[in-house]
């Protein structure tokens, strides 16, 4: 339980860092940005009919095909 709490707290601390980083970006994305992807995304998992994107903040989203 202590490990889970520590992981959860670490994720909470990264959210403001990610928000500050995104707010500091002064341009619209028009093409793939490797640095941005590496800072924000933990992993991408491809399933049948959907893609799951897990952000370093711990938030996951599913994209249906």
PDB file of N, CA and C in Angstrom:
ATOM      1  N   UNK A   1       0.824  -1.183   0.000  1.00  0.00           N
ATOM      2  CA  UNK A   1       0.000   0.000   0.000  1.00  0.00           C
ATOM      3  C   UNK A   1       0.877   1.261   0.000  1.00  0.00           C
ATOM      4  N   UNK A   2       1.988   1.234   0.715  1.00  0.00           N
ATOM      5  CA  UNK A   2       2.880   2.385   0.741  1.00  0.00           C
ATOM      6  C   UNK A   2       3.476   2.658  -0.634  1.00  0.00           C
ATOM      7  N   UNK A   3       3.787   1.586  -1.355  1.00  0.00           N
ATOM      8  CA  UNK A   3       4.347   1.747  -2.695  1.00  0.00           C
ATOM      9  C   UNK A   3       3.305   2.375  -3.620  1.00  0.00           C
ATOM     10  N   UNK A   4       2.061   1.909  -3.531  1.00  0.00           N
ATOM     11  CA  UNK A   4       0.982   2.474  -4.351  1.00  0.00           C
ATOM     12  C   UNK A   4       0.782   3.947  -4.045  1.00  0.00           C
ATOM     13  N   UNK A   5       0.804   4.298  -2.786  1.00  0.00           N
ATOM     14  CA  UNK A   5       0.640   5.701  -2.392  1.00  0.00           C
ATOM     15  C   UNK A   5       1.790   6.560  -2.927  1.00  0.00           C
ATOM     16  N   UNK A   6       3.007   6.040  -2.857  1.00  0.00           N
ATOM     17  CA  UNK A   6       4.161   6.775  -3.364  1.00  0.00           C
ATOM     18  C   UNK A   6       4.061   6.969  -4.875  1.00  0.00           C
ATOM     19  N   UNK A   7       3.636   5.927  -5.605  1.00  0.00           N
ATOM     20  CA  UNK A   7       3.466   6.038  -7.053  1.00  0.00           C
ATOM     21  C   UNK A   7       2.397   7.063  -7.394  1.00  0.00           C
ATOM     22  N   UNK A   8       1.291   7.023  -6.669  1.00  0.00           N
ATOM     23  CA  UNK A   8       0.188   7.955  -6.905  1.00  0.00           C
ATOM     24  C   UNK A   8       0.642   9.396  -6.640  1.00  0.00           C
ATOM     25  N   UNK A   9       1.408   9.596  -5.580  1.00  0.00           N
ATOM     26  CA  UNK A   9       1.901  10.932  -5.261  1.00  0.00           C
ATOM     27  C   UNK A   9       2.878  11.416  -6.327  1.00  0.00           C
ATOM     28  N   UNK A  10       3.715  10.526  -6.829  1.00  0.00           N
ATOM     29  CA  UNK A  10       4.636  10.884  -7.904  1.00  0.00           C
ATOM     30  C   UNK A  10       3.894  11.327  -9.148  1.00  0.00           C
ATOM     31  N   UNK A  11       2.815  10.645  -9.466  1.00  0.00           N
ATOM     32  CA  UNK A  11       1.997  11.017 -10.627  1.00  0.00           C
ATOM     33  C   UNK A  11       1.346  12.369 -10.409  1.00  0.00           C
ATOM     34  N   UNK A  12       0.865  12.614  -9.206  1.00  0.00           N
ATOM     35  CA  UNK A  12       0.249  13.917  -8.903  1.00  0.00           C
ATOM     36  C   UNK A  12       1.241  15.050  -9.053  1.00  0.00           C
ATOM     37  N   UNK A  13       2.478  14.803  -8.683  1.00  0.00           N
ATOM     38  CA  UNK A  13       3.498  15.842  -8.792  1.00  0.00           C
ATOM     39  C   UNK A  13       3.878  16.107 -10.240  1.00  0.00           C
ATOM     40  N   UNK A  14       3.788  15.099 -11.109  1.00  0.00           N
ATOM     41  CA  UNK A  14       4.149  15.289 -12.515  1.00  0.00           C
ATOM     42  C   UNK A  14       3.092  16.056 -13.293  1.00  0.00           C
ATOM     43  N   UNK A  15       1.853  16.039 -12.865  1.00  0.00           N
ATOM     44  CA  UNK A  15       0.789  16.737 -13.593  1.00  0.00           C
ATOM     45  C   UNK A  15       1.068  18.237 -13.684  1.00  0.00           C
ATOM     46  N   UNK A  16       1.398  18.927 -12.583  1.00  0.00           N
ATOM     47  CA  UNK A  16       1.717  20.363 -12.718  1.00  0.00           C
ATOM     48  C   UNK A  16       2.940  20.610 -13.599  1.00  0.00           C
ATOM     49  N   UNK A  17       3.932  19.714 -13.548  1.00  0.00           N
ATOM     50  CA  UNK A  17       5.115  19.866 -14.400  1.00  0.00           C
ATOM     51  C   UNK A  17       4.722  19.770 -15.869  1.00  0.00           C
ATOM     52  N   UNK A  18       3.872  18.805 -16.191  1.00  0.00           N
ATOM     53  CA  UNK A  18       3.422  18.639 -17.568  1.00  0.00           C
ATOM     54  C   UNK A  18       2.594  19.829 -18.015  1.00  0.00           C
ATOM     55  N   UNK A  19       1.734  20.321 -17.139  1.00  0.00           N
ATOM     56  CA  UNK A  19       0.899  21.477 -17.463  1.00  0.00           C
ATOM     57  C   UNK A  19       1.763  22.704 -17.728  1.00  0.00           C
ATOM     58  N   UNK A  20       2.769  22.924 -16.893  1.00  0.00           N
ATOM     59  CA  UNK A  20       3.661  24.060 -17.086  1.00  0.00           C
ATOM     60  C   UNK A  20       4.418  23.938 -18.398  1.00  0.00           C
ATOM     61  N   UNK A  21       4.868  22.735 -18.719  1.00  0.00           N
ATOM     62  CA  UNK A  21       5.585  22.519 -19.972  1.00  0.00           C
ATOM     63  C   UNK A  21       4.686  22.835 -21.160  1.00  0.00           C
ATOM     64  N   UNK A  22       3.452  22.339 -21.141  1.00  0.00           N
ATOM     65  CA  UNK A  22       2.530  22.585 -22.248  1.00  0.00           C
ATOM     66  C   UNK A  22       2.182  24.066 -22.364  1.00  0.00           C
ATOM     67  N   UNK A  23       1.990  24.723 -21.245  1.00  0.00           N
ATOM     68  CA  UNK A  23       1.670  26.148 -21.271  1.00  0.00           C
ATOM     69  C   UNK A  23       2.839  26.984 -21.791  1.00  0.00           C
ATOM     70  N   UNK A  24       4.052  26.493 -21.613  1.00  0.00           N
ATOM     71  CA  UNK A  24       5.231  27.227 -22.074  1.00  0.00           C
ATOM     72  C   UNK A  24       5.432  27.096 -23.584  1.00  0.00           C
ATOM     73  N   UNK A  25       4.762  26.153 -24.207  1.00  0.00           N
ATOM     74  CA  UNK A  25       4.899  25.973 -25.652  1.00  0.00           C
ATOM     75  C   UNK A  25       4.142  27.097 -26.353  1.00  0.00           C
ATOM     76  N   UNK A  26       4.835  27.798 -27.228  1.00  0.00           N
ATOM     77  CA  UNK A  26       4.240  28.972 -27.856  1.00  0.00           C
ATOM     78  C   UNK A  26       3.827  28.729 -29.306  1.00  0.00           C
ATOM     79  N   UNK A  27       3.746  27.506 -29.697  1.00  0.00           N
ATOM     80  CA  UNK A  27       3.414  27.221 -31.091  1.00  0.00           C
ATOM     81  C   UNK A  27       2.376  26.109 -31.184  1.00  0.00           C
ATOM     82  N   UNK A  28       1.700  26.085 -32.306  1.00  0.00           N
ATOM     83  CA  UNK A  28       0.771  25.002 -32.587  1.00  0.00           C
ATOM     84  C   UNK A  28       1.540  23.878 -33.246  1.00  0.00           C
ATOM     85  N   UNK A  29       1.189  22.664 -32.887  1.00  0.00           N
ATOM     86  CA  UNK A  29       1.853  21.515 -33.495  1.00  0.00           C
ATOM     87  C   UNK A  29       1.339  21.313 -34.908  1.00  0.00           C
ATOM     88  N   UNK A  30       2.254  21.276 -35.832  1.00  0.00           N
ATOM     89  CA  UNK A  30       1.906  21.020 -37.225  1.00  0.00           C
ATOM     90  C   UNK A  30       2.541  19.735 -37.713  1.00  0.00           C
ATOM     91  N   UNK A  31       3.459  19.201 -36.926  1.00  0.00           N
ATOM     92  CA  UNK A  31       4.118  17.948 -37.275  1.00  0.00           C
ATOM     93  C   UNK A  31       4.540  17.243 -36.000  1.00  0.00           C
ATOM     94  N   UNK A  32       4.952  16.001 -36.133  1.00  0.00           N
ATOM     95  CA  UNK A  32       5.366  15.167 -35.009  1.00  0.00           C
ATOM     96  C   UNK A  32       6.506  15.829 -34.240  1.00  0.00           C
ATOM     97  N   UNK A  33       6.400  15.835 -32.900  1.00  0.00           N
ATOM     98  CA  UNK A  33       7.426  16.438 -32.046  1.00  0.00           C
ATOM     99  C   UNK A  33       7.944  15.357 -31.089  1.00  0.00           C
ATOM    100  N   UNK A  34       9.096  14.803 -31.402  1.00  0.00           N
ATOM    101  CA  UNK A  34       9.686  13.713 -30.615  1.00  0.00           C
ATOM    102  C   UNK A  34       9.887  14.102 -29.155  1.00  0.00           C
ATOM    103  N   UNK A  35      10.385  15.300 -28.906  1.00  0.00           N
ATOM    104  CA  UNK A  35      10.636  15.751 -27.539  1.00  0.00           C
ATOM    105  C   UNK A  35       9.338  15.799 -26.730  1.00  0.00           C
ATOM    106  N   UNK A  36       8.296  16.306 -27.329  1.00  0.00           N
ATOM    107  CA  UNK A  36       7.008  16.393 -26.653  1.00  0.00           C
ATOM    108  C   UNK A  36       6.472  15.002 -26.323  1.00  0.00           C
ATOM    109  N   UNK A  37       6.552  14.097 -27.270  1.00  0.00           N
ATOM    110  CA  UNK A  37       6.079  12.724 -27.049  1.00  0.00           C
ATOM    111  C   UNK A  37       6.854  12.078 -25.906  1.00  0.00           C
ATOM    112  N   UNK A  38       8.155  12.210 -25.908  1.00  0.00           N
ATOM    113  CA  UNK A  38       8.980  11.595 -24.858  1.00  0.00           C
ATOM    114  C   UNK A  38       8.711  12.197 -23.477  1.00  0.00           C
ATOM    115  N   UNK A  39       8.335  13.454 -23.425  1.00  0.00           N
ATOM    116  CA  UNK A  39       8.037  14.086 -22.133  1.00  0.00           C
ATOM    117  C   UNK A  39       6.659  13.721 -21.605  1.00  0.00           C
ATOM    118  N   UNK A  40       5.704  13.446 -22.501  1.00  0.00           N
ATOM    119  CA  UNK A  40       4.318  13.275 -22.070  1.00  0.00           C
ATOM    120  C   UNK A  40       3.823  11.837 -22.031  1.00  0.00           C
ATOM    121  N   UNK A  41       4.289  11.003 -22.942  1.00  0.00           N
ATOM    122  CA  UNK A  41       3.694   9.677 -23.091  1.00  0.00           C
ATOM    123  C   UNK A  41       4.585   8.597 -22.509  1.00  0.00           C
ATOM    124  N   UNK A  42       3.980   7.770 -21.665  1.00  0.00           N
ATOM    125  CA  UNK A  42       4.679   6.639 -21.059  1.00  0.00           C
ATOM    126  C   UNK A  42       4.719   5.459 -22.017  1.00  0.00           C
ATOM    127  N   UNK A  43       3.524   5.096 -22.548  1.00  0.00           N
ATOM    128  CA  UNK A  43       3.485   3.983 -23.493  1.00  0.00           C
ATOM    129  C   UNK A  43       2.212   4.018 -24.318  1.00  0.00           C
ATOM    130  N   UNK A  44       2.279   3.331 -25.440  1.00  0.00           N
ATOM    131  CA  UNK A  44       1.134   3.174 -26.329  1.00  0.00           C
ATOM    132  C   UNK A  44       0.955   1.684 -26.555  1.00  0.00           C
ATOM    133  N   UNK A  45      -0.259   1.193 -26.301  1.00  0.00           N
ATOM    134  CA  UNK A  45      -0.564  -0.226 -26.477  1.00  0.00           C
ATOM    135  C   UNK A  45      -1.635  -0.365 -27.541  1.00  0.00           C
ATOM    136  N   UNK A  46      -1.368  -1.237 -28.504  1.00  0.00           N
ATOM    137  CA  UNK A  46      -2.312  -1.451 -29.597  1.00  0.00           C
ATOM    138  C   UNK A  46      -3.066  -2.749 -29.349  1.00  0.00           C
ATOM    139  N   UNK A  47      -4.392  -2.637 -29.316  1.00  0.00           N
ATOM    140  CA  UNK A  47      -5.282  -3.782 -29.130  1.00  0.00           C
ATOM    141  C   UNK A  47      -6.099  -3.949 -30.413  1.00  0.00           C
ATOM    142  N   UNK A  48      -6.856  -5.033 -30.505  1.00  0.00           N
ATOM    143  CA  UNK A  48      -7.768  -5.188 -31.638  1.00  0.00           C
ATOM    144  C   UNK A  48      -8.831  -4.100 -31.565  1.00  0.00           C
ATOM    145  N   UNK A  49      -8.848  -3.231 -32.545  1.00  0.00           N
ATOM    146  CA  UNK A  49      -9.894  -2.226 -32.642  1.00  0.00           C
ATOM    147  C   UNK A  49      -9.698  -0.980 -31.808  1.00  0.00           C
ATOM    148  N   UNK A  50      -8.621  -0.877 -31.037  1.00  0.00           N
ATOM    149  CA  UNK A  50      -8.409   0.332 -30.243  1.00  0.00           C
ATOM    150  C   UNK A  50      -6.931   0.507 -29.918  1.00  0.00           C
ATOM    151  N   UNK A  51      -6.577   1.730 -29.554  1.00  0.00           N
ATOM    152  CA  UNK A  51      -5.224   2.075 -29.133  1.00  0.00           C
ATOM    153  C   UNK A  51      -5.335   2.710 -27.751  1.00  0.00           C
ATOM    154  N   UNK A  52      -4.505   2.266 -26.832  1.00  0.00           N
ATOM    155  CA  UNK A  52      -4.485   2.833 -25.483  1.00  0.00           C
ATOM    156  C   UNK A  52      -3.210   3.652 -25.321  1.00  0.00           C
ATOM    157  N   UNK A  53      -3.368   4.918 -24.934  1.00  0.00           N
ATOM    158  CA  UNK A  53      -2.232   5.810 -24.710  1.00  0.00           C
ATOM    159  C   UNK A  53      -2.170   6.100 -23.219  1.00  0.00           C
ATOM    160  N   UNK A  54      -1.029   5.783 -22.613  1.00  0.00           N
ATOM    161  CA  UNK A  54      -0.833   6.057 -21.192  1.00  0.00           C
ATOM    162  C   UNK A  54       0.181   7.188 -21.048  1.00  0.00           C
ATOM    163  N   UNK A  55      -0.258   8.260 -20.416  1.00  0.00           N
ATOM    164  CA  UNK A  55       0.600   9.412 -20.201  1.00  0.00           C
ATOM    165  C   UNK A  55       1.434   9.218 -18.939  1.00  0.00           C
ATOM    166  N   UNK A  56       2.522   9.926 -18.827  1.00  0.00           N
ATOM    167  CA  UNK A  56       3.390   9.810 -17.661  1.00  0.00           C
ATOM    168  C   UNK A  56       2.691  10.263 -16.389  1.00  0.00           C
ATOM    169  N   UNK A  57       1.641  11.019 -16.529  1.00  0.00           N
ATOM    170  CA  UNK A  57       0.860  11.456 -15.367  1.00  0.00           C
ATOM    171  C   UNK A  57       0.024  10.324 -14.798  1.00  0.00           C
ATOM    172  N   UNK A  58      -0.095   9.220 -15.552  1.00  0.00           N
ATOM    173  CA  UNK A  58      -0.909   8.093 -15.109  1.00  0.00           C
ATOM    174  C   UNK A  58      -2.267   8.041 -15.769  1.00  0.00           C
ATOM    175  N   UNK A  59      -2.612   9.067 -16.488  1.00  0.00           N
ATOM    176  CA  UNK A  59      -3.899   9.108 -17.197  1.00  0.00           C
ATOM    177  C   UNK A  59      -3.795   8.262 -18.462  1.00  0.00           C
ATOM    178  N   UNK A  60      -4.825   7.460 -18.720  1.00  0.00           N
ATOM    179  CA  UNK A  60      -4.868   6.640 -19.926  1.00  0.00           C
ATOM    180  C   UNK A  60      -6.111   7.020 -20.733  1.00  0.00           C
ATOM    181  N   UNK A  61      -5.960   6.989 -22.060  1.00  0.00           N
ATOM    182  CA  UNK A  61      -7.115   7.198 -22.930  1.00  0.00           C
ATOM    183  C   UNK A  61      -7.157   6.068 -23.958  1.00  0.00           C
ATOM    184  N   UNK A  62      -8.346   5.701 -24.340  1.00  0.00           N
ATOM    185  CA  UNK A  62      -8.558   4.705 -25.384  1.00  0.00           C
ATOM    186  C   UNK A  62      -9.051   5.405 -26.636  1.00  0.00           C
ATOM    187  N   UNK A  63      -8.485   5.023 -27.761  1.00  0.00           N
ATOM    188  CA  UNK A  63      -8.907   5.551 -29.044  1.00  0.00           C
ATOM    189  C   UNK A  63      -9.456   4.383 -29.837  1.00  0.00           C
ATOM    190  N   UNK A  64     -10.758   4.427 -30.083  1.00  0.00           N
ATOM    191  CA  UNK A  64     -11.420   3.332 -30.807  1.00  0.00           C
ATOM    192  C   UNK A  64     -11.174   3.476 -32.286  1.00  0.00           C
ATOM    193  N   UNK A  65     -11.010   2.336 -32.959  1.00  0.00           N
ATOM    194  CA  UNK A  65     -10.803   2.331 -34.404  1.00  0.00           C
ATOM    195  C   UNK A  65     -12.115   2.395 -35.127  1.00  0.00           C
TER     196      UNK A  65
END
